[in-house]
Amino acid sequence: MKALGIFEAKGDKDAMNLLNYGLGNLYYEIGKVNEAIKLYNKIDDPKLKADSYLMLAQSFHKEFFCLLIVI
């Protein structure tokens, strides 16, 4: 998160998009799906947008099945 602040201060959108995507993947892997969703939604780079949509779908899918297990 510290790196995001540094690149945000510099206005480096490419680095911010890449870091948001990478952090989103990390949060997804450790089960913090809601945090991952927030980060994927911040991505506006056309090259990463398709990948972020795929990860959003997987995140919602994972979140949905976790809810089913609880119910």
PDB file of N, CA and C in Angstrom:
ATOM      1  N   MET A   1       0.817  -1.183   0.000  1.00  0.00           N
ATOM      2  CA  MET A   1       0.000   0.000   0.000  1.00  0.00           C
ATOM      3  C   MET A   1       0.871   1.262   0.000  1.00  0.00           C
ATOM      4  N   LYS A   2       2.019   1.193   0.611  1.00  0.00           N
ATOM      5  CA  LYS A   2       2.917   2.338   0.638  1.00  0.00           C
ATOM      6  C   LYS A   2       3.361   2.701  -0.776  1.00  0.00           C
ATOM      7  N   ALA A   3       3.633   1.687  -1.593  1.00  0.00           N
ATOM      8  CA  ALA A   3       4.055   1.929  -2.975  1.00  0.00           C
ATOM      9  C   ALA A   3       2.961   2.635  -3.762  1.00  0.00           C
ATOM     10  N   LEU A   4       1.709   2.281  -3.507  1.00  0.00           N
ATOM     11  CA  LEU A   4       0.604   2.958  -4.200  1.00  0.00           C
ATOM     12  C   LEU A   4       0.612   4.448  -3.897  1.00  0.00           C
ATOM     13  N   GLY A   5       0.847   4.801  -2.644  1.00  0.00           N
ATOM     14  CA  GLY A   5       0.892   6.202  -2.253  1.00  0.00           C
ATOM     15  C   GLY A   5       2.019   6.951  -2.949  1.00  0.00           C
ATOM     16  N   ILE A   6       3.147   6.292  -3.098  1.00  0.00           N
ATOM     17  CA  ILE A   6       4.293   6.934  -3.752  1.00  0.00           C
ATOM     18  C   ILE A   6       3.971   7.217  -5.223  1.00  0.00           C
ATOM     19  N   PHE A   7       3.443   6.206  -5.925  1.00  0.00           N
ATOM     20  CA  PHE A   7       3.140   6.396  -7.342  1.00  0.00           C
ATOM     21  C   PHE A   7       1.929   7.301  -7.557  1.00  0.00           C
ATOM     22  N   GLU A   8       1.019   7.301  -6.601  1.00  0.00           N
ATOM     23  CA  GLU A   8      -0.134   8.202  -6.689  1.00  0.00           C
ATOM     24  C   GLU A   8       0.329   9.655  -6.596  1.00  0.00           C
ATOM     25  N   ALA A   9       1.272   9.923  -5.688  1.00  0.00           N
ATOM     26  CA  ALA A   9       1.811  11.274  -5.530  1.00  0.00           C
ATOM     27  C   ALA A   9       2.523  11.735  -6.798  1.00  0.00           C
ATOM     28  N   LYS A  10       3.160  10.800  -7.496  1.00  0.00           N
ATOM     29  CA  LYS A  10       3.856  11.135  -8.744  1.00  0.00           C
ATOM     30  C   LYS A  10       2.908  11.204  -9.936  1.00  0.00           C
ATOM     31  N   GLY A  11       1.684  10.691  -9.771  1.00  0.00           N
ATOM     32  CA  GLY A  11       0.723  10.690 -10.869  1.00  0.00           C
ATOM     33  C   GLY A  11       1.017   9.625 -11.921  1.00  0.00           C
ATOM     34  N   ASP A  12       1.710   8.560 -11.538  1.00  0.00           N
ATOM     35  CA  ASP A  12       2.064   7.490 -12.469  1.00  0.00           C
ATOM     36  C   ASP A  12       0.909   6.490 -12.558  1.00  0.00           C
ATOM     37  N   LYS A  13      -0.001   6.734 -13.498  1.00  0.00           N
ATOM     38  CA  LYS A  13      -1.206   5.913 -13.649  1.00  0.00           C
ATOM     39  C   LYS A  13      -0.876   4.472 -14.031  1.00  0.00           C
ATOM     40  N   ASP A  14       0.136   4.270 -14.888  1.00  0.00           N
ATOM     41  CA  ASP A  14       0.493   2.916 -15.301  1.00  0.00           C
ATOM     42  C   ASP A  14       0.936   2.076 -14.104  1.00  0.00           C
ATOM     43  N   ALA A  15       1.782   2.647 -13.276  1.00  0.00           N
ATOM     44  CA  ALA A  15       2.262   1.932 -12.095  1.00  0.00           C
ATOM     45  C   ALA A  15       1.120   1.680 -11.116  1.00  0.00           C
ATOM     46  N   MET A  16       0.237   2.662 -10.952  1.00  0.00           N
ATOM     47  CA  MET A  16      -0.893   2.496 -10.042  1.00  0.00           C
ATOM     48  C   MET A  16      -1.822   1.385 -10.514  1.00  0.00           C
ATOM     49  N   ASN A  17      -2.085   1.329 -11.810  1.00  0.00           N
ATOM     50  CA  ASN A  17      -2.939   0.270 -12.347  1.00  0.00           C
ATOM     51  C   ASN A  17      -2.316  -1.098 -12.119  1.00  0.00           C
ATOM     52  N   LEU A  18      -1.030  -1.212 -12.397  1.00  0.00           N
ATOM     53  CA  LEU A  18      -0.337  -2.486 -12.229  1.00  0.00           C
ATOM     54  C   LEU A  18      -0.296  -2.905 -10.758  1.00  0.00           C
ATOM     55  N   LEU A  19      -0.043  -1.948  -9.875  1.00  0.00           N
ATOM     56  CA  LEU A  19      -0.023  -2.259  -8.447  1.00  0.00           C
ATOM     57  C   LEU A  19      -1.413  -2.634  -7.929  1.00  0.00           C
ATOM     58  N   ASN A  20      -2.443  -1.936  -8.380  1.00  0.00           N
ATOM     59  CA  ASN A  20      -3.808  -2.288  -7.977  1.00  0.00           C
ATOM     60  C   ASN A  20      -4.152  -3.703  -8.425  1.00  0.00           C
ATOM     61  N   TYR A  21      -3.746  -4.050  -9.639  1.00  0.00           N
ATOM     62  CA  TYR A  21      -4.017  -5.392 -10.146  1.00  0.00           C
ATOM     63  C   TYR A  21      -3.245  -6.440  -9.332  1.00  0.00           C
ATOM     64  N   GLY A  22      -1.984  -6.191  -9.089  1.00  0.00           N
ATOM     65  CA  GLY A  22      -1.168  -7.131  -8.321  1.00  0.00           C
ATOM     66  C   GLY A  22      -1.654  -7.294  -6.892  1.00  0.00           C
ATOM     67  N   LEU A  23      -1.986  -6.174  -6.243  1.00  0.00           N
ATOM     68  CA  LEU A  23      -2.501  -6.251  -4.875  1.00  0.00           C
ATOM     69  C   LEU A  23      -3.862  -6.944  -4.849  1.00  0.00           C
ATOM     70  N   GLY A  24      -4.661  -6.680  -5.876  1.00  0.00           N
ATOM     71  CA  GLY A  24      -5.958  -7.366  -5.979  1.00  0.00           C
ATOM     72  C   GLY A  24      -5.771  -8.866  -6.062  1.00  0.00           C
ATOM     73  N   ASN A  25      -4.803  -9.301  -6.857  1.00  0.00           N
ATOM     74  CA  ASN A  25      -4.522 -10.739  -6.970  1.00  0.00           C
ATOM     75  C   ASN A  25      -4.059 -11.315  -5.637  1.00  0.00           C
ATOM     76  N   LEU A  26      -3.235 -10.563  -4.930  1.00  0.00           N
ATOM     77  CA  LEU A  26      -2.755 -11.012  -3.626  1.00  0.00           C
ATOM     78  C   LEU A  26      -3.922 -11.161  -2.647  1.00  0.00           C
ATOM     79  N   TYR A  27      -4.770 -10.134  -2.576  1.00  0.00           N
ATOM     80  CA  TYR A  27      -5.923 -10.206  -1.680  1.00  0.00           C
ATOM     81  C   TYR A  27      -6.850 -11.356  -2.070  1.00  0.00           C
ATOM     82  N   TYR A  28      -7.033 -11.572  -3.359  1.00  0.00           N
ATOM     83  CA  TYR A  28      -7.867 -12.683  -3.819  1.00  0.00           C
ATOM     84  C   TYR A  28      -7.307 -14.020  -3.323  1.00  0.00           C
ATOM     85  N   GLU A  29      -6.016 -14.192  -3.463  1.00  0.00           N
ATOM     86  CA  GLU A  29      -5.377 -15.461  -3.081  1.00  0.00           C
ATOM     87  C   GLU A  29      -5.457 -15.741  -1.583  1.00  0.00           C
ATOM     88  N   ILE A  30      -5.395 -14.693  -0.763  1.00  0.00           N
ATOM     89  CA  ILE A  30      -5.442 -14.920   0.686  1.00  0.00           C
ATOM     90  C   ILE A  30      -6.869 -14.876   1.231  1.00  0.00           C
ATOM     91  N   GLY A  31      -7.849 -14.737   0.331  1.00  0.00           N
ATOM     92  CA  GLY A  31      -9.244 -14.815   0.735  1.00  0.00           C
ATOM     93  C   GLY A  31      -9.900 -13.501   1.103  1.00  0.00           C
ATOM     94  N   LYS A  32      -9.218 -12.395   0.914  1.00  0.00           N
ATOM     95  CA  LYS A  32      -9.817 -11.078   1.186  1.00  0.00           C
ATOM     96  C   LYS A  32     -10.454 -10.562  -0.111  1.00  0.00           C
ATOM     97  N   VAL A  33     -11.540 -11.213  -0.476  1.00  0.00           N
ATOM     98  CA  VAL A  33     -12.174 -10.980  -1.768  1.00  0.00           C
ATOM     99  C   VAL A  33     -12.729  -9.556  -1.881  1.00  0.00           C
ATOM    100  N   ASN A  34     -13.319  -9.041  -0.819  1.00  0.00           N
ATOM    101  CA  ASN A  34     -13.882  -7.686  -0.879  1.00  0.00           C
ATOM    102  C   ASN A  34     -12.813  -6.637  -1.140  1.00  0.00           C
ATOM    103  N   GLU A  35     -11.652  -6.814  -0.522  1.00  0.00           N
ATOM    104  CA  GLU A  35     -10.541  -5.888  -0.769  1.00  0.00           C
ATOM    105  C   GLU A  35     -10.064  -6.004  -2.215  1.00  0.00           C
ATOM    106  N   ALA A  36     -10.008  -7.230  -2.724  1.00  0.00           N
ATOM    107  CA  ALA A  36      -9.595  -7.450  -4.115  1.00  0.00           C
ATOM    108  C   ALA A  36     -10.551  -6.753  -5.070  1.00  0.00           C
ATOM    109  N   ILE A  37     -11.841  -6.869  -4.814  1.00  0.00           N
ATOM    110  CA  ILE A  37     -12.861  -6.253  -5.679  1.00  0.00           C
ATOM    111  C   ILE A  37     -12.670  -4.739  -5.728  1.00  0.00           C
ATOM    112  N   LYS A  38     -12.407  -4.137  -4.580  1.00  0.00           N
ATOM    113  CA  LYS A  38     -12.192  -2.682  -4.541  1.00  0.00           C
ATOM    114  C   LYS A  38     -11.015  -2.274  -5.424  1.00  0.00           C
ATOM    115  N   LEU A  39      -9.939  -3.059  -5.365  1.00  0.00           N
ATOM    116  CA  LEU A  39      -8.749  -2.725  -6.152  1.00  0.00           C
ATOM    117  C   LEU A  39      -8.968  -2.967  -7.644  1.00  0.00           C
ATOM    118  N   TYR A  40      -9.626  -4.058  -7.997  1.00  0.00           N
ATOM    119  CA  TYR A  40      -9.906  -4.332  -9.416  1.00  0.00           C
ATOM    120  C   TYR A  40     -10.777  -3.232 -10.029  1.00  0.00           C
ATOM    121  N   ASN A  41     -11.686  -2.684  -9.239  1.00  0.00           N
ATOM    122  CA  ASN A  41     -12.566  -1.624  -9.753  1.00  0.00           C
ATOM    123  C   ASN A  41     -11.838  -0.305  -9.996  1.00  0.00           C
ATOM    124  N   LYS A  42     -10.660  -0.129  -9.448  1.00  0.00           N
ATOM    125  CA  LYS A  42      -9.888   1.099  -9.641  1.00  0.00           C
ATOM    126  C   LYS A  42      -9.087   1.103 -10.942  1.00  0.00           C
ATOM    127  N   ILE A  43      -8.970  -0.037 -11.593  1.00  0.00           N
ATOM    128  CA  ILE A  43      -8.126  -0.155 -12.779  1.00  0.00           C
ATOM    129  C   ILE A  43      -8.823   0.466 -13.983  1.00  0.00           C
ATOM    130  N   ASP A  44      -8.108   1.369 -14.675  1.00  0.00           N
ATOM    131  CA  ASP A  44      -8.668   1.998 -15.865  1.00  0.00           C
ATOM    132  C   ASP A  44      -7.783   1.841 -17.103  1.00  0.00           C
ATOM    133  N   ASP A  45      -6.706   1.089 -16.965  1.00  0.00           N
ATOM    134  CA  ASP A  45      -5.830   0.819 -18.104  1.00  0.00           C
ATOM    135  C   ASP A  45      -6.511  -0.186 -19.036  1.00  0.00           C
ATOM    136  N   PRO A  46      -6.671   0.162 -20.315  1.00  0.00           N
ATOM    137  CA  PRO A  46      -7.363  -0.746 -21.245  1.00  0.00           C
ATOM    138  C   PRO A  46      -6.718  -2.130 -21.342  1.00  0.00           C
ATOM    139  N   LYS A  47      -5.402  -2.197 -21.204  1.00  0.00           N
ATOM    140  CA  LYS A  47      -4.716  -3.491 -21.301  1.00  0.00           C
ATOM    141  C   LYS A  47      -5.031  -4.386 -20.101  1.00  0.00           C
ATOM    142  N   LEU A  48      -5.172  -3.794 -18.921  1.00  0.00           N
ATOM    143  CA  LEU A  48      -5.440  -4.566 -17.711  1.00  0.00           C
ATOM    144  C   LEU A  48      -6.934  -4.712 -17.420  1.00  0.00           C
ATOM    145  N   LYS A  49      -7.761  -3.921 -18.093  1.00  0.00           N
ATOM    146  CA  LYS A  49      -9.196  -3.914 -17.804  1.00  0.00           C
ATOM    147  C   LYS A  49      -9.827  -5.287 -18.035  1.00  0.00           C
ATOM    148  N   ALA A  50      -9.484  -5.948 -19.140  1.00  0.00           N
ATOM    149  CA  ALA A  50     -10.049  -7.272 -19.425  1.00  0.00           C
ATOM    150  C   ALA A  50      -9.634  -8.273 -18.348  1.00  0.00           C
ATOM    151  N   ASP A  51      -8.372  -8.235 -17.954  1.00  0.00           N
ATOM    152  CA  ASP A  51      -7.902  -9.134 -16.901  1.00  0.00           C
ATOM    153  C   ASP A  51      -8.584  -8.826 -15.570  1.00  0.00           C
ATOM    154  N   SER A  52      -8.790  -7.538 -15.302  1.00  0.00           N
ATOM    155  CA  SER A  52      -9.432  -7.175 -14.038  1.00  0.00           C
ATOM    156  C   SER A  52     -10.896  -7.615 -14.037  1.00  0.00           C
ATOM    157  N   TYR A  53     -11.574  -7.578 -15.200  1.00  0.00           N
ATOM    158  CA  TYR A  53     -12.955  -8.069 -15.280  1.00  0.00           C
ATOM    159  C   TYR A  53     -13.014  -9.567 -15.000  1.00  0.00           C
ATOM    160  N   LEU A  54     -12.049 -10.305 -15.525  1.00  0.00           N
ATOM    161  CA  LEU A  54     -11.991 -11.735 -15.262  1.00  0.00           C
ATOM    162  C   LEU A  54     -11.800 -11.997 -13.765  1.00  0.00           C
ATOM    163  N   MET A  55     -10.897 -11.251 -13.150  1.00  0.00           N
ATOM    164  CA  MET A  55     -10.653 -11.433 -11.723  1.00  0.00           C
ATOM    165  C   MET A  55     -11.847 -10.971 -10.883  1.00  0.00           C
ATOM    166  N   LEU A  56     -12.555  -9.941 -11.345  1.00  0.00           N
ATOM    167  CA  LEU A  56     -13.775  -9.523 -10.654  1.00  0.00           C
ATOM    168  C   LEU A  56     -14.803 -10.649 -10.676  1.00  0.00           C
ATOM    169  N   ALA A  57     -14.968 -11.272 -11.832  1.00  0.00           N
ATOM    170  CA  ALA A  57     -15.920 -12.382 -11.949  1.00  0.00           C
ATOM    171  C   ALA A  57     -15.525 -13.533 -11.023  1.00  0.00           C
ATOM    172  N   GLN A  58     -14.244 -13.856 -10.999  1.00  0.00           N
ATOM    173  CA  GLN A  58     -13.785 -14.928 -10.118  1.00  0.00           C
ATOM    174  C   GLN A  58     -13.966 -14.550  -8.645  1.00  0.00           C
ATOM    175  N   SER A  59     -13.766 -13.282  -8.329  1.00  0.00           N
ATOM    176  CA  SER A  59     -13.929 -12.821  -6.949  1.00  0.00           C
ATOM    177  C   SER A  59     -15.381 -12.922  -6.511  1.00  0.00           C
ATOM    178  N   PHE A  60     -16.302 -12.480  -7.373  1.00  0.00           N
ATOM    179  CA  PHE A  60     -17.719 -12.578  -7.032  1.00  0.00           C
ATOM    180  C   PHE A  60     -18.140 -14.038  -6.916  1.00  0.00           C
ATOM    181  N   HIS A  61     -17.598 -14.877  -7.770  1.00  0.00           N
ATOM    182  CA  HIS A  61     -17.895 -16.302  -7.726  1.00  0.00           C
ATOM    183  C   HIS A  61     -17.409 -16.906  -6.406  1.00  0.00           C
ATOM    184  N   LYS A  62     -16.197 -16.579  -6.022  1.00  0.00           N
ATOM    185  CA  LYS A  62     -15.623 -17.086  -4.771  1.00  0.00           C
ATOM    186  C   LYS A  62     -16.419 -16.586  -3.572  1.00  0.00           C
ATOM    187  N   GLU A  63     -16.793 -15.316  -3.605  1.00  0.00           N
ATOM    188  CA  GLU A  63     -17.556 -14.724  -2.510  1.00  0.00           C
ATOM    189  C   GLU A  63     -18.932 -15.390  -2.396  1.00  0.00           C
ATOM    190  N   PHE A  64     -19.561 -15.652  -3.535  1.00  0.00           N
ATOM    191  CA  PHE A  64     -20.884 -16.271  -3.558  1.00  0.00           C
ATOM    192  C   PHE A  64     -20.834 -17.673  -2.955  1.00  0.00           C
ATOM    193  N   PHE A  65     -19.841 -18.478  -3.332  1.00  0.00           N
ATOM    194  CA  PHE A  65     -19.747 -19.833  -2.818  1.00  0.00           C
ATOM    195  C   PHE A  65     -19.361 -19.859  -1.340  1.00  0.00           C
ATOM    196  N   CYS A  66     -18.635 -18.867  -0.890  1.00  0.00           N
ATOM    197  CA  CYS A  66     -18.345 -18.778   0.538  1.00  0.00           C
ATOM    198  C   CYS A  66     -19.625 -18.498   1.318  1.00  0.00           C
ATOM    199  N   LEU A  67     -20.494 -17.705   0.745  1.00  0.00           N
ATOM    200  CA  LEU A  67     -21.788 -17.423   1.388  1.00  0.00           C
ATOM    201  C   LEU A  67     -22.649 -18.672   1.432  1.00  0.00           C
ATOM    202  N   LEU A  68     -22.629 -19.474   0.378  1.00  0.00           N
ATOM    203  CA  LEU A  68     -23.415 -20.704   0.338  1.00  0.00           C
ATOM    204  C   LEU A  68     -22.956 -21.686   1.412  1.00  0.00           C
ATOM    205  N   ILE A  69     -21.659 -21.736   1.636  1.00  0.00           N
ATOM    206  CA  ILE A  69     -21.139 -22.649   2.650  1.00  0.00           C
ATOM    207  C   ILE A  69     -21.604 -22.235   4.039  1.00  0.00           C
ATOM    208  N   VAL A  70     -21.668 -20.918   4.261  1.00  0.00           N
ATOM    209  CA  VAL A  70     -22.099 -20.406   5.567  1.00  0.00           C
ATOM    210  C   VAL A  70     -23.583 -20.693   5.793  1.00  0.00           C
ATOM    211  N   ILE A  71     -24.367 -20.562   4.732  1.00  0.00           N
ATOM    212  CA  ILE A  71     -25.814 -20.775   4.842  1.00  0.00           C
ATOM    213  C   ILE A  71     -26.051 -22.253   4.977  1.00  0.00           C
TER     214      ILE A  71
END
